[in-house]
Amino acid sequence: MSRGWESVKKQPGIWQTAGITGAAALFALWHFLDVRNGAAASGDLWLQGSYGLLAAYGLLLVAGLGYLVLIRGRLSIERFFLCAFLGTGLMFMTVLAPLSAPDEVSHYITAYQLSNRFLGGVSRMEDGRVPIRAQDAFIEDLEDVMRDDGGGWNTEDDAEDPPKAKVLGQELTEETYRFIREKGLAGSGEEGEAVSYQLPVRTTPLAYLPQALGITLARLLGLGGLGLLYMGRLFNLLFLAGMGYLAMRRMPFGKEVLFGVYMLPMTLHLAASLSYDVMIIGCSGYFGAVCLDLAYERERVRPRDVAILAAVLGVMGPCKMVYGVIAGYCLLVPVKKFGSWGKWLASAVLVLGAFAAAMFLINRGTVSMYVDATDSYMAWADEEGYTLTWLLHNPRFVLKMCYNTLAWQGEVLFTGMMGGALGNLDPVLNTPFAVILAMSAILCLLAFKKNGETGEMKTGHRIWIWFLSFICLGALMFSMLLGWTPVSATKIQGVQGRYLLPLLPMLLLTMKSSRVVRTAGNDRLLLYGLTAMDVYVILRIFAVVCLRVSIAS
């Protein structure tokens, strides 16, 4: 008996797993009180059972990962990532209801449009709207106020009191959970077609390939509107999990950093949605991993490496053209690894040519619209906006607006990147600031070079990555100044912290230097703690939504 106890005491993994799982259980019990109050106020007592199942799943996930990672130690870092990312991602997908992510309704109808192509149907009508199944029309109009007598959409903007549709998940309350439970995933059996009210996003269809595949499978299986939404989200989650796994396989060092960034609440929220940000985050992470592998690990750059870089940049670039700046990561690779200057130049032409060709095919209309515009109007603010010509002739004003944005909204951008406002940028559905600080500390610790670790960034490479990130941030702010900011604004409107996630892994890796060496700390324990925090965050959000019954009523 004593010998067994001594053996247990010598295994810190057991105590670490028990301590973190126990803390998660205490927080789960604490927030059950909120769920109970919300259920009593709404009369939906089934919420308590749903929360119990969610909490049990989360605690089993935390305990199971602790056993596999800290006690047995048999999971590789890549497999640990897959288990943690998919395990917590499913919780985020369940709690944060469909179409609750930023702009998710637009991403949904764009993926639906691509699904129509897969099934051989009409992808879009002459007015740009998308044909949908009649049984899916409720997704965009829960209260059925937009449909006219002819089965189309009432879009009269000049009406005295124009109708306004209530979109599923746009405001996440207890009523949303009740509706999902009553509606179910099965098809309604309703025949016929309808036309979408929302317009699709004009970008590369490849950005919606995972979501469209999921939606198509759901339609083939005969699932209803909710079923196809969840299936599309699941495929998006699986895509980022796969891209993260492949990126970590190629990284010569810093795998834990990428792991940590992908486990942030905002990353998980986007991954478990229909957002095309998932394509950008996944492709940028893999692009950076390949460049690091070629710069620090491989002896030669192979033709297939160049083809991979060209393909990834060609897919990602048209989503948000400003991220084309990360093509500069290729300059981390020494010319000698290409064999000659000629091969280096040919490779550069191929990679940049793929980006330029994709931009020309997809975004030439958008670019020409801004270049040729002589005036601008911001419909959301009902005010005049800025034109490209005016901004180019007033660089001091542009710099002032960028400075004001960073000075006044720097904290909001940082917390937004981490997950300070989840849902449809809902400040109530937040990650507590104490958790954000803890996660930030974990990311920094993961980025520091460990005692005995050989991989680190060269000084020139660190400076170059910071320069590229600064240029990309400037391009992001300039694009929002041009496309979203009215003339009355004193700072740039529409800049969000989630836009920084594609840049974050490489920025953190610039901290890996021999000048600052971490002599203690277990990377796997840090990542395990980060996973447990994600479980806490999503359990808390479920409880908060249950309490919003008074707001909904």
Protein backbone atom coordinates (compact mmCIF):
# COMPACT_ATOMS: atom_id res chain seq x y z
CA MET A 1 0.00 0.00 0.00
CA SER A 2 2.72 2.46 1.03
CA ARG A 3 4.84 1.43 -1.95
CA GLY A 4 1.92 2.25 -4.31
CA TRP A 5 1.40 5.62 -2.62
CA GLU A 6 5.09 6.45 -2.96
CA SER A 7 4.87 5.59 -6.65
CA VAL A 8 1.92 7.95 -7.08
CA LYS A 9 3.74 10.78 -5.30
CA LYS A 10 6.65 10.44 -7.70
CA GLN A 11 4.40 11.04 -10.73
CA PRO A 12 3.65 14.79 -10.93
CA GLY A 13 1.44 14.19 -13.95
CA ILE A 14 -1.17 12.55 -11.74
CA TRP A 15 -1.33 15.54 -9.41
CA GLN A 16 -1.34 18.02 -12.29
CA THR A 17 -4.17 16.20 -14.03
CA ALA A 18 -6.16 15.87 -10.83
CA GLY A 19 -5.63 19.51 -9.87
CA ILE A 20 -6.58 21.00 -13.24
CA THR A 21 -9.52 18.63 -13.73
CA GLY A 22 -10.71 19.37 -10.21
CA ALA A 23 -10.53 23.13 -10.80
CA ALA A 24 -12.49 22.73 -14.03
CA ALA A 25 -15.12 20.71 -12.16
CA LEU A 26 -15.49 23.41 -9.49
CA PHE A 27 -16.00 26.10 -12.14
CA ALA A 28 -18.49 23.84 -13.93
CA LEU A 29 -20.48 23.44 -10.71
CA TRP A 30 -20.36 27.19 -10.08
CA HIS A 31 -21.80 28.02 -13.48
CA PHE A 32 -24.45 25.34 -13.09
CA LEU A 33 -26.07 27.76 -10.63
CA ASP A 34 -26.43 30.28 -13.46
CA VAL A 35 -27.86 27.62 -15.77
CA ARG A 36 -30.36 26.61 -13.09
CA ASN A 37 -31.48 30.21 -12.62
CA GLY A 38 -31.86 30.72 -16.35
CA ALA A 39 -33.77 27.47 -16.74
CA ALA A 40 -36.13 28.42 -13.91
CA ALA A 41 -36.78 31.86 -15.42
CA SER A 42 -37.49 30.48 -18.90
CA GLY A 43 -39.22 27.27 -17.86
CA ASP A 44 -36.85 25.27 -20.07
CA LEU A 45 -35.58 22.89 -17.42
CA TRP A 46 -33.95 20.71 -20.09
CA LEU A 47 -31.14 23.30 -20.16
CA GLN A 48 -29.82 21.81 -16.93
CA GLY A 49 -29.52 18.38 -18.53
CA SER A 50 -27.87 19.84 -21.63
CA TYR A 51 -25.36 21.69 -19.49
CA GLY A 52 -24.72 18.52 -17.49
CA LEU A 53 -23.88 16.59 -20.66
CA LEU A 54 -21.67 19.43 -21.91
CA ALA A 55 -19.84 19.69 -18.59
CA ALA A 56 -19.38 15.92 -18.35
CA TYR A 57 -17.93 15.85 -21.87
CA GLY A 58 -15.59 18.76 -21.10
CA LEU A 59 -14.35 17.20 -17.86
CA LEU A 60 -13.80 13.85 -19.52
CA LEU A 61 -11.84 15.60 -22.25
CA VAL A 62 -9.64 17.37 -19.69
CA ALA A 63 -9.11 14.23 -17.64
CA GLY A 64 -8.48 12.05 -20.69
CA LEU A 65 -5.94 14.42 -22.18
CA GLY A 66 -4.21 14.67 -18.82
CA TYR A 67 -3.92 10.90 -18.66
CA LEU A 68 -2.59 10.57 -22.21
CA VAL A 69 -0.27 13.59 -22.18
CA LEU A 70 0.92 14.08 -18.60
CA ILE A 71 0.64 10.65 -17.03
CA ARG A 72 1.32 8.21 -19.87
CA GLY A 73 3.11 10.70 -22.14
CA ARG A 74 2.38 8.68 -25.27
CA LEU A 75 0.87 11.33 -27.53
CA SER A 76 3.09 13.18 -29.99
CA ILE A 77 2.64 16.94 -30.04
CA GLU A 78 0.74 16.69 -33.35
CA ARG A 79 -1.70 14.07 -32.05
CA PHE A 80 -2.11 16.00 -28.81
CA PHE A 81 -3.10 18.98 -30.97
CA LEU A 82 -5.68 17.00 -32.91
CA CYS A 83 -7.31 15.65 -29.76
CA ALA A 84 -7.37 19.01 -27.96
CA PHE A 85 -8.41 21.07 -30.98
CA LEU A 86 -11.19 18.78 -32.17
CA GLY A 87 -12.37 18.03 -28.64
CA THR A 88 -12.78 21.66 -27.65
CA GLY A 89 -13.82 22.73 -31.16
CA LEU A 90 -16.88 20.49 -30.96
CA MET A 91 -17.87 22.23 -27.73
CA PHE A 92 -17.51 25.65 -29.36
CA MET A 93 -19.53 24.46 -32.37
CA THR A 94 -22.34 23.29 -30.08
CA VAL A 95 -22.53 26.19 -27.65
CA LEU A 96 -21.98 29.06 -30.09
CA ALA A 97 -24.98 28.39 -32.31
CA PRO A 98 -24.90 28.44 -36.14
CA LEU A 99 -24.53 31.89 -37.74
CA SER A 100 -23.42 33.43 -34.42
CA ALA A 101 -19.86 34.10 -35.66
CA PRO A 102 -18.95 37.43 -37.32
CA ASP A 103 -20.44 37.64 -40.85
CA GLU A 104 -21.29 33.94 -40.70
CA VAL A 105 -24.62 34.35 -42.46
CA SER A 106 -22.81 35.72 -45.53
CA HIS A 107 -20.34 32.85 -45.40
CA TYR A 108 -23.22 30.39 -45.10
CA ILE A 109 -24.97 31.54 -48.25
CA THR A 110 -21.66 31.66 -50.17
CA ALA A 111 -20.91 28.06 -49.20
CA TYR A 112 -24.49 27.16 -50.18
CA GLN A 113 -23.84 28.70 -53.59
CA LEU A 114 -20.81 26.45 -54.10
CA SER A 115 -22.82 23.45 -52.89
CA ASN A 116 -25.36 24.19 -55.65
CA ARG A 117 -22.54 23.87 -58.17
CA PHE A 118 -21.45 20.54 -56.72
CA LEU A 119 -25.00 19.23 -57.10
CA GLY A 120 -25.35 20.51 -60.66
CA GLY A 121 -27.92 23.19 -59.84
CA VAL A 122 -28.10 26.93 -60.51
CA SER A 123 -25.53 28.60 -58.29
CA ARG A 124 -26.98 32.11 -58.37
CA MET A 125 -29.80 34.13 -59.89
CA GLU A 126 -29.47 37.16 -62.17
CA ASP A 127 -29.73 39.53 -59.21
CA GLY A 128 -26.90 37.69 -57.44
CA ARG A 129 -29.06 35.86 -54.90
CA VAL A 130 -28.67 32.13 -54.29
CA PRO A 131 -31.33 29.44 -54.87
CA ILE A 132 -31.93 27.44 -51.68
CA ARG A 133 -34.26 24.69 -50.53
CA ALA A 134 -37.59 26.02 -49.27
CA GLN A 135 -37.04 24.21 -45.97
CA ASP A 136 -33.83 26.22 -45.41
CA ALA A 137 -35.44 29.65 -45.78
CA PHE A 138 -36.04 29.94 -42.00
CA ILE A 139 -32.29 30.26 -41.42
CA GLU A 140 -32.24 33.80 -42.79
CA ASP A 141 -35.71 34.81 -41.60
CA LEU A 142 -36.83 33.16 -38.38
CA GLU A 143 -40.03 35.20 -38.11
CA ASP A 144 -40.95 34.92 -41.83
CA VAL A 145 -41.32 38.68 -42.30
CA MET A 146 -39.34 39.01 -45.51
CA ARG A 147 -41.29 36.66 -47.78
CA ASP A 148 -43.74 38.19 -50.24
CA ASP A 149 -46.82 36.56 -51.73
CA GLY A 150 -44.87 35.24 -54.70
CA GLY A 151 -42.43 33.26 -52.57
CA GLY A 152 -39.61 35.72 -53.11
CA TRP A 153 -38.05 38.24 -50.75
CA ASN A 154 -39.54 41.60 -49.89
CA THR A 155 -36.56 43.92 -50.29
CA GLU A 156 -38.31 47.25 -50.75
CA ASP A 157 -35.92 49.75 -49.17
CA ASP A 158 -38.19 52.72 -49.82
CA ALA A 159 -41.07 51.38 -47.74
CA GLU A 160 -42.19 53.50 -44.81
CA ASP A 161 -41.44 50.69 -42.37
CA PRO A 162 -39.32 48.15 -44.29
CA PRO A 163 -39.24 44.62 -42.85
CA LYS A 164 -36.12 43.43 -41.10
CA ALA A 165 -35.27 39.75 -40.97
CA LYS A 166 -34.22 38.00 -37.78
CA VAL A 167 -31.33 35.71 -38.65
CA LEU A 168 -30.63 32.54 -36.69
CA GLY A 169 -27.87 32.99 -34.12
CA GLN A 170 -27.20 36.68 -34.79
CA GLU A 171 -28.18 37.43 -31.20
CA LEU A 172 -27.43 34.39 -29.10
CA THR A 173 -29.96 33.97 -26.29
CA GLU A 174 -31.74 31.16 -24.48
CA GLU A 175 -34.45 31.42 -27.10
CA THR A 176 -31.90 30.35 -29.73
CA TYR A 177 -31.18 27.13 -27.85
CA ARG A 178 -34.90 26.44 -27.52
CA PHE A 179 -35.46 26.95 -31.23
CA ILE A 180 -32.58 24.61 -32.18
CA ARG A 181 -33.87 21.93 -29.82
CA GLU A 182 -37.41 22.13 -31.22
CA LYS A 183 -36.34 22.35 -34.86
CA GLY A 184 -33.89 19.44 -34.83
CA LEU A 185 -31.44 18.35 -37.50
CA ALA A 186 -33.78 16.25 -39.64
CA GLY A 187 -35.35 17.55 -42.82
CA SER A 188 -38.89 18.94 -42.70
CA GLY A 189 -39.96 17.25 -45.91
CA GLU A 190 -40.99 20.58 -47.40
CA GLU A 191 -40.64 20.55 -51.17
CA GLY A 192 -39.75 23.36 -53.52
CA GLU A 193 -37.13 26.06 -53.80
CA ALA A 194 -36.69 29.56 -52.49
CA VAL A 195 -34.16 32.33 -53.02
CA SER A 196 -31.77 33.69 -50.42
CA TYR A 197 -32.22 37.11 -48.91
CA GLN A 198 -28.53 37.48 -48.07
CA LEU A 199 -26.03 38.08 -50.86
CA PRO A 200 -22.93 35.85 -51.19
CA VAL A 201 -19.37 37.08 -50.66
CA ARG A 202 -17.47 37.86 -53.85
CA THR A 203 -14.23 35.93 -53.42
CA THR A 204 -12.54 32.72 -54.49
CA PRO A 205 -14.86 29.70 -54.16
CA LEU A 206 -11.90 27.71 -52.80
CA ALA A 207 -12.28 29.64 -49.53
CA TYR A 208 -15.57 27.80 -49.01
CA LEU A 209 -14.58 24.34 -50.18
CA PRO A 210 -14.72 22.61 -46.74
CA GLN A 211 -18.00 24.25 -45.75
CA ALA A 212 -19.59 23.52 -49.13
CA LEU A 213 -18.57 19.87 -48.97
CA GLY A 214 -20.22 19.57 -45.56
CA ILE A 215 -23.40 21.29 -46.73
CA THR A 216 -23.52 19.10 -49.84
CA LEU A 217 -23.18 15.92 -47.78
CA ALA A 218 -25.96 17.09 -45.46
CA ARG A 219 -28.25 17.75 -48.42
CA LEU A 220 -27.51 14.33 -49.89
CA LEU A 221 -28.34 12.76 -46.52
CA GLY A 222 -31.64 14.63 -46.42
CA LEU A 223 -30.83 16.68 -43.33
CA GLY A 224 -32.68 19.91 -42.60
CA GLY A 225 -31.37 23.45 -42.43
CA LEU A 226 -29.76 23.03 -39.01
CA GLY A 227 -28.21 19.75 -40.11
CA LEU A 228 -26.48 21.32 -43.08
CA LEU A 229 -25.26 24.25 -40.95
CA TYR A 230 -23.66 21.93 -38.41
CA MET A 231 -22.22 19.67 -41.11
CA GLY A 232 -20.64 22.64 -42.88
CA ARG A 233 -19.17 23.82 -39.58
CA LEU A 234 -17.81 20.35 -38.82
CA PHE A 235 -15.99 20.18 -42.14
CA ASN A 236 -14.49 23.64 -41.53
CA LEU A 237 -13.27 22.50 -38.12
CA LEU A 238 -11.75 19.34 -39.62
CA PHE A 239 -10.03 21.41 -42.31
CA LEU A 240 -8.23 23.66 -39.83
CA ALA A 241 -7.35 20.66 -37.67
CA GLY A 242 -5.77 19.01 -40.72
CA MET A 243 -3.91 22.15 -41.78
CA GLY A 244 -2.61 22.66 -38.25
CA TYR A 245 -1.45 19.05 -38.09
CA LEU A 246 0.38 19.32 -41.42
CA ALA A 247 1.94 22.64 -40.44
CA MET A 248 3.25 21.24 -37.17
CA ARG A 249 4.67 18.23 -39.00
CA ARG A 250 6.78 20.57 -41.16
CA MET A 251 7.88 23.09 -38.56
CA PRO A 252 11.56 22.69 -37.57
CA PHE A 253 10.86 24.32 -34.19
CA GLY A 254 8.06 26.20 -32.44
CA LYS A 255 5.32 23.58 -32.93
CA GLU A 256 3.96 24.44 -29.49
CA VAL A 257 3.52 28.07 -30.52
CA LEU A 258 1.27 27.19 -33.44
CA PHE A 259 -0.59 24.77 -31.16
CA GLY A 260 -1.17 27.57 -28.65
CA VAL A 261 -2.44 30.08 -31.23
CA TYR A 262 -4.87 27.55 -32.67
CA MET A 263 -6.21 26.86 -29.16
CA LEU A 264 -7.17 30.49 -28.51
CA PRO A 265 -10.94 30.94 -28.00
CA MET A 266 -11.26 33.19 -31.05
CA THR A 267 -9.47 30.69 -33.28
CA LEU A 268 -11.67 27.87 -32.02
CA HIS A 269 -14.79 29.97 -32.50
CA LEU A 270 -13.90 30.75 -36.11
CA ALA A 271 -12.86 27.15 -36.79
CA ALA A 272 -16.21 25.90 -35.50
CA SER A 273 -18.12 28.31 -37.77
CA LEU A 274 -18.61 28.72 -41.53
CA SER A 275 -16.15 31.63 -41.73
CA TYR A 276 -13.59 31.79 -44.53
CA ASP A 277 -11.13 33.12 -41.95
CA VAL A 278 -10.41 29.43 -41.35
CA MET A 279 -8.94 29.15 -44.84
CA ILE A 280 -6.75 32.21 -44.24
CA ILE A 281 -5.54 31.03 -40.81
CA GLY A 282 -4.88 27.48 -42.01
CA CYS A 283 -3.08 28.48 -45.22
CA SER A 284 -0.98 31.21 -43.58
CA GLY A 285 0.09 28.83 -40.80
CA TYR A 286 1.08 26.13 -43.28
CA PHE A 287 2.80 28.64 -45.59
CA GLY A 288 4.93 29.90 -42.69
CA ALA A 289 5.73 26.35 -41.59
CA VAL A 290 6.97 25.37 -45.06
CA CYS A 291 9.12 28.51 -45.29
CA LEU A 292 10.67 27.83 -41.87
CA ASP A 293 11.31 24.21 -42.82
CA LEU A 294 13.09 25.27 -46.02
CA ALA A 295 15.03 28.00 -44.25
CA TYR A 296 16.25 26.03 -41.24
CA GLU A 297 15.88 22.30 -41.90
CA ARG A 298 15.98 21.26 -45.56
CA GLU A 299 19.23 21.21 -47.47
CA ARG A 300 17.56 21.83 -50.85
CA VAL A 301 14.35 23.41 -52.08
CA ARG A 302 12.49 20.85 -54.16
CA PRO A 303 10.18 21.74 -57.06
CA ARG A 304 7.22 20.36 -55.14
CA ASP A 305 7.99 22.76 -52.27
CA VAL A 306 7.74 25.68 -54.66
CA ALA A 307 4.50 24.26 -56.09
CA ILE A 308 3.05 23.93 -52.59
CA LEU A 309 3.91 27.55 -51.73
CA ALA A 310 2.40 28.77 -55.00
CA ALA A 311 -0.80 26.76 -54.50
CA VAL A 312 -1.28 27.87 -50.89
CA LEU A 313 -0.72 31.53 -51.72
CA GLY A 314 -2.99 31.30 -54.76
CA VAL A 315 -5.81 29.88 -52.64
CA MET A 316 -5.41 32.23 -49.69
CA GLY A 317 -4.59 35.50 -51.46
CA PRO A 318 -7.98 36.37 -52.96
CA CYS A 319 -9.77 35.88 -49.62
CA LYS A 320 -8.18 39.03 -48.21
CA MET A 321 -5.58 40.39 -50.58
CA VAL A 322 -3.63 42.16 -47.81
CA TYR A 323 -2.38 38.79 -46.56
CA GLY A 324 -0.43 38.44 -49.80
CA VAL A 325 2.29 40.24 -47.84
CA ILE A 326 3.23 36.93 -46.21
CA ALA A 327 4.71 35.89 -49.55
CA GLY A 328 7.72 37.69 -48.09
CA TYR A 329 8.26 34.70 -45.79
CA CYS A 330 9.84 33.03 -48.82
CA LEU A 331 12.79 35.40 -48.49
CA LEU A 332 13.74 33.62 -45.27
CA VAL A 333 15.04 30.79 -47.48
CA PRO A 334 18.68 31.32 -48.61
CA VAL A 335 19.24 31.53 -52.35
CA LYS A 336 21.86 28.77 -52.20
CA LYS A 337 19.19 26.23 -51.26
CA PHE A 338 17.57 26.77 -54.68
CA GLY A 339 20.80 25.82 -56.42
CA SER A 340 21.25 29.02 -58.40
CA TRP A 341 19.92 32.54 -58.82
CA GLY A 342 18.07 31.41 -61.92
CA LYS A 343 16.14 28.73 -60.05
CA TRP A 344 15.45 31.20 -57.24
CA LEU A 345 14.06 33.73 -59.73
CA ALA A 346 11.92 31.09 -61.46
CA SER A 347 10.54 30.00 -58.09
CA ALA A 348 9.74 33.60 -57.13
CA VAL A 349 7.95 34.14 -60.44
CA LEU A 350 5.89 30.98 -59.92
CA VAL A 351 4.84 31.83 -56.35
CA LEU A 352 4.08 35.50 -57.01
CA GLY A 353 2.56 34.63 -60.37
CA ALA A 354 0.08 32.26 -58.68
CA PHE A 355 -0.95 35.05 -56.31
CA ALA A 356 -1.22 37.62 -59.12
CA ALA A 357 -3.22 35.26 -61.34
CA ALA A 358 -5.65 34.44 -58.53
CA MET A 359 -6.06 38.13 -57.75
CA PHE A 360 -6.72 38.96 -61.40
CA LEU A 361 -9.29 36.20 -61.83
CA ILE A 362 -11.16 36.82 -58.58
CA ASN A 363 -10.66 40.40 -57.42
CA ARG A 364 -10.04 42.46 -60.54
CA GLY A 365 -13.60 43.82 -60.44
CA THR A 366 -13.29 44.90 -56.81
CA VAL A 367 -9.91 46.52 -57.36
CA SER A 368 -11.06 48.42 -60.45
CA MET A 369 -14.16 49.61 -58.57
CA TYR A 370 -12.00 51.29 -55.92
CA VAL A 371 -9.47 52.61 -58.43
CA ASP A 372 -12.10 54.19 -60.68
CA ALA A 373 -14.40 55.50 -57.93
CA THR A 374 -14.89 59.27 -57.79
CA ASP A 375 -17.07 59.17 -54.68
CA SER A 376 -17.85 56.73 -51.88
CA TYR A 377 -20.84 56.01 -49.67
CA MET A 378 -20.89 53.96 -46.46
CA ALA A 379 -24.42 52.52 -46.39
CA TRP A 380 -24.13 51.18 -42.83
CA ALA A 381 -23.41 54.71 -41.51
CA ASP A 382 -25.52 56.56 -44.12
CA GLU A 383 -22.53 58.83 -44.74
CA GLU A 384 -19.95 59.63 -47.35
CA GLY A 385 -16.72 57.64 -47.32
CA TYR A 386 -13.21 58.06 -48.69
CA THR A 387 -11.96 57.32 -52.19
CA LEU A 388 -8.66 55.66 -53.03
CA THR A 389 -7.45 58.71 -54.96
CA TRP A 390 -8.13 61.07 -52.04
CA LEU A 391 -6.37 58.81 -49.52
CA LEU A 392 -3.31 58.39 -51.73
CA HIS A 393 -3.02 62.18 -51.98
CA ASN A 394 -3.34 62.62 -48.21
CA PRO A 395 -0.78 60.27 -46.58
CA ARG A 396 -0.55 62.35 -43.40
CA PHE A 397 -4.27 61.88 -42.80
CA VAL A 398 -3.94 58.13 -43.35
CA LEU A 399 -1.10 57.93 -40.83
CA LYS A 400 -3.11 59.98 -38.33
CA MET A 401 -6.11 57.67 -38.62
CA CYS A 402 -3.90 54.59 -38.23
CA TYR A 403 -2.28 56.10 -35.15
CA ASN A 404 -5.65 57.01 -33.62
CA THR A 405 -6.91 53.47 -34.22
CA LEU A 406 -3.94 51.83 -32.51
CA ALA A 407 -3.87 54.38 -29.67
CA TRP A 408 -7.57 54.22 -28.87
CA GLN A 409 -8.38 50.64 -29.82
CA GLY A 410 -5.15 48.76 -29.23
CA GLU A 411 -6.54 46.98 -26.16
CA VAL A 412 -9.75 46.07 -28.02
CA LEU A 413 -7.73 44.64 -30.92
CA PHE A 414 -5.62 42.57 -28.55
CA THR A 415 -8.52 41.15 -26.56
CA GLY A 416 -10.50 40.63 -29.77
CA MET A 417 -7.65 38.54 -31.17
CA MET A 418 -7.67 36.37 -28.06
CA GLY A 419 -11.46 36.03 -27.80
CA GLY A 420 -12.61 39.04 -25.80
CA ALA A 421 -15.93 39.16 -27.68
CA LEU A 422 -17.18 35.89 -29.14
CA GLY A 423 -20.44 35.28 -30.94
CA ASN A 424 -21.32 38.10 -33.33
CA LEU A 425 -18.70 40.29 -31.58
CA ASP A 426 -20.95 40.15 -28.52
CA PRO A 427 -19.17 41.68 -25.49
CA VAL A 428 -21.35 39.62 -23.13
CA LEU A 429 -20.12 36.35 -24.65
CA ASN A 430 -16.54 37.02 -23.69
CA THR A 431 -13.40 35.38 -22.43
CA PRO A 432 -12.71 36.85 -18.95
CA PHE A 433 -9.77 39.23 -18.97
CA ALA A 434 -7.94 37.19 -16.32
CA VAL A 435 -8.09 34.19 -18.67
CA ILE A 436 -6.85 36.33 -21.57
CA LEU A 437 -3.87 37.39 -19.47
CA ALA A 438 -3.15 33.79 -18.50
CA MET A 439 -3.36 32.64 -22.11
CA SER A 440 -1.08 35.48 -23.19
CA ALA A 441 1.49 34.46 -20.59
CA ILE A 442 1.31 30.85 -21.80
CA LEU A 443 1.87 31.92 -25.42
CA CYS A 444 4.93 33.95 -24.39
CA LEU A 445 6.35 31.06 -22.35
CA LEU A 446 5.84 28.70 -25.29
CA ALA A 447 7.64 31.14 -27.59
CA PHE A 448 10.74 31.51 -25.40
CA LYS A 449 13.62 29.23 -26.23
CA LYS A 450 13.93 26.31 -23.83
CA ASN A 451 17.15 25.24 -22.17
CA GLY A 452 18.87 22.81 -24.56
CA GLU A 453 16.68 23.70 -27.55
CA THR A 454 18.68 24.22 -30.75
CA GLY A 455 16.18 26.00 -33.02
CA GLU A 456 15.83 29.77 -32.97
CA MET A 457 15.19 32.68 -35.30
CA LYS A 458 18.08 34.56 -36.82
CA THR A 459 18.18 38.27 -36.05
CA GLY A 460 17.66 39.29 -39.66
CA HIS A 461 14.72 36.94 -39.97
CA ARG A 462 13.10 38.38 -36.85
CA ILE A 463 13.40 41.91 -38.19
CA TRP A 464 12.00 40.85 -41.57
CA ILE A 465 8.96 39.12 -40.04
CA TRP A 466 8.18 42.17 -37.90
CA PHE A 467 8.50 44.38 -40.98
CA LEU A 468 6.11 42.18 -42.98
CA SER A 469 3.64 42.10 -40.08
CA PHE A 470 3.76 45.90 -39.80
CA ILE A 471 3.10 46.24 -43.53
CA CYS A 472 0.21 43.77 -43.34
CA LEU A 473 -1.33 45.58 -40.37
CA GLY A 474 -1.03 48.88 -42.22
CA ALA A 475 -2.67 47.36 -45.30
CA LEU A 476 -5.49 45.97 -43.14
CA MET A 477 -6.18 49.38 -41.61
CA PHE A 478 -5.94 51.12 -44.98
CA SER A 479 -8.43 48.69 -46.54
CA MET A 480 -10.93 49.30 -43.74
CA LEU A 481 -10.38 53.06 -43.97
CA LEU A 482 -11.23 52.85 -47.67
CA GLY A 483 -14.05 50.33 -47.55
CA TRP A 484 -15.77 50.80 -44.17
CA THR A 485 -14.98 54.18 -42.56
CA PRO A 486 -17.25 57.25 -42.94
CA VAL A 487 -15.73 60.73 -43.14
CA SER A 488 -17.08 61.68 -39.70
CA ALA A 489 -15.09 58.96 -37.91
CA THR A 490 -12.05 59.91 -35.84
CA LYS A 491 -10.55 56.41 -36.10
CA ILE A 492 -10.73 53.57 -38.62
CA GLN A 493 -13.91 51.53 -38.36
CA GLY A 494 -14.18 47.77 -38.77
CA VAL A 495 -10.64 46.70 -37.79
CA GLN A 496 -10.97 43.57 -35.65
CA GLY A 497 -8.51 41.62 -33.56
CA ARG A 498 -9.28 38.35 -35.36
CA TYR A 499 -7.58 39.78 -38.45
CA LEU A 500 -4.25 39.47 -36.60
CA LEU A 501 -4.47 35.71 -36.00
CA PRO A 502 -2.78 34.73 -39.31
CA LEU A 503 0.26 36.81 -38.33
CA LEU A 504 0.50 35.77 -34.68
CA PRO A 505 2.42 32.43 -34.89
CA MET A 506 5.36 33.86 -36.84
CA LEU A 507 5.44 36.97 -34.66
CA LEU A 508 5.64 34.84 -31.52
CA LEU A 509 8.42 32.76 -33.01
CA THR A 510 10.58 35.88 -33.29
CA MET A 511 10.83 35.71 -29.48
CA LYS A 512 12.78 32.46 -29.75
CA SER A 513 16.32 33.65 -29.08
CA SER A 514 19.35 32.61 -27.03
CA ARG A 515 19.18 35.95 -25.24
CA VAL A 516 16.10 34.83 -23.29
CA VAL A 517 16.09 31.16 -22.31
CA ARG A 518 13.37 29.47 -20.27
CA THR A 519 14.98 27.09 -17.80
CA ALA A 520 11.77 25.63 -16.32
CA GLY A 521 8.26 24.78 -17.36
CA ASN A 522 6.70 21.93 -19.28
CA ASP A 523 5.31 22.81 -22.71
CA ARG A 524 2.77 20.02 -22.58
CA LEU A 525 1.55 21.13 -19.19
CA LEU A 526 1.15 24.68 -20.50
CA LEU A 527 -0.83 23.48 -23.51
CA TYR A 528 -2.88 21.21 -21.29
CA GLY A 529 -3.71 24.16 -19.07
CA LEU A 530 -4.67 26.20 -22.15
CA THR A 531 -7.07 23.44 -23.22
CA ALA A 532 -8.68 23.35 -19.78
CA MET A 533 -9.17 27.14 -19.96
CA ASP A 534 -10.99 26.71 -23.27
CA VAL A 535 -13.34 24.21 -21.63
CA TYR A 536 -14.00 26.69 -18.82
CA VAL A 537 -14.64 29.52 -21.29
CA ILE A 538 -17.23 27.60 -23.30
CA LEU A 539 -19.03 26.27 -20.20
CA ARG A 540 -19.25 29.82 -18.90
CA ILE A 541 -20.63 31.08 -22.22
CA PHE A 542 -23.36 28.42 -22.16
CA ALA A 543 -24.35 29.62 -18.69
CA VAL A 544 -24.36 33.26 -19.81
CA VAL A 545 -26.61 32.45 -22.76
CA CYS A 546 -29.03 30.66 -20.46
CA LEU A 547 -29.23 33.80 -18.32
CA ARG A 548 -30.14 35.94 -21.33
CA VAL A 549 -33.72 34.78 -21.14
CA SER A 550 -34.66 38.03 -19.37
CA ILE A 551 -33.12 40.04 -22.21
CA ALA A 552 -34.87 37.95 -24.85
CA SER A 553 -38.17 38.33 -23.01
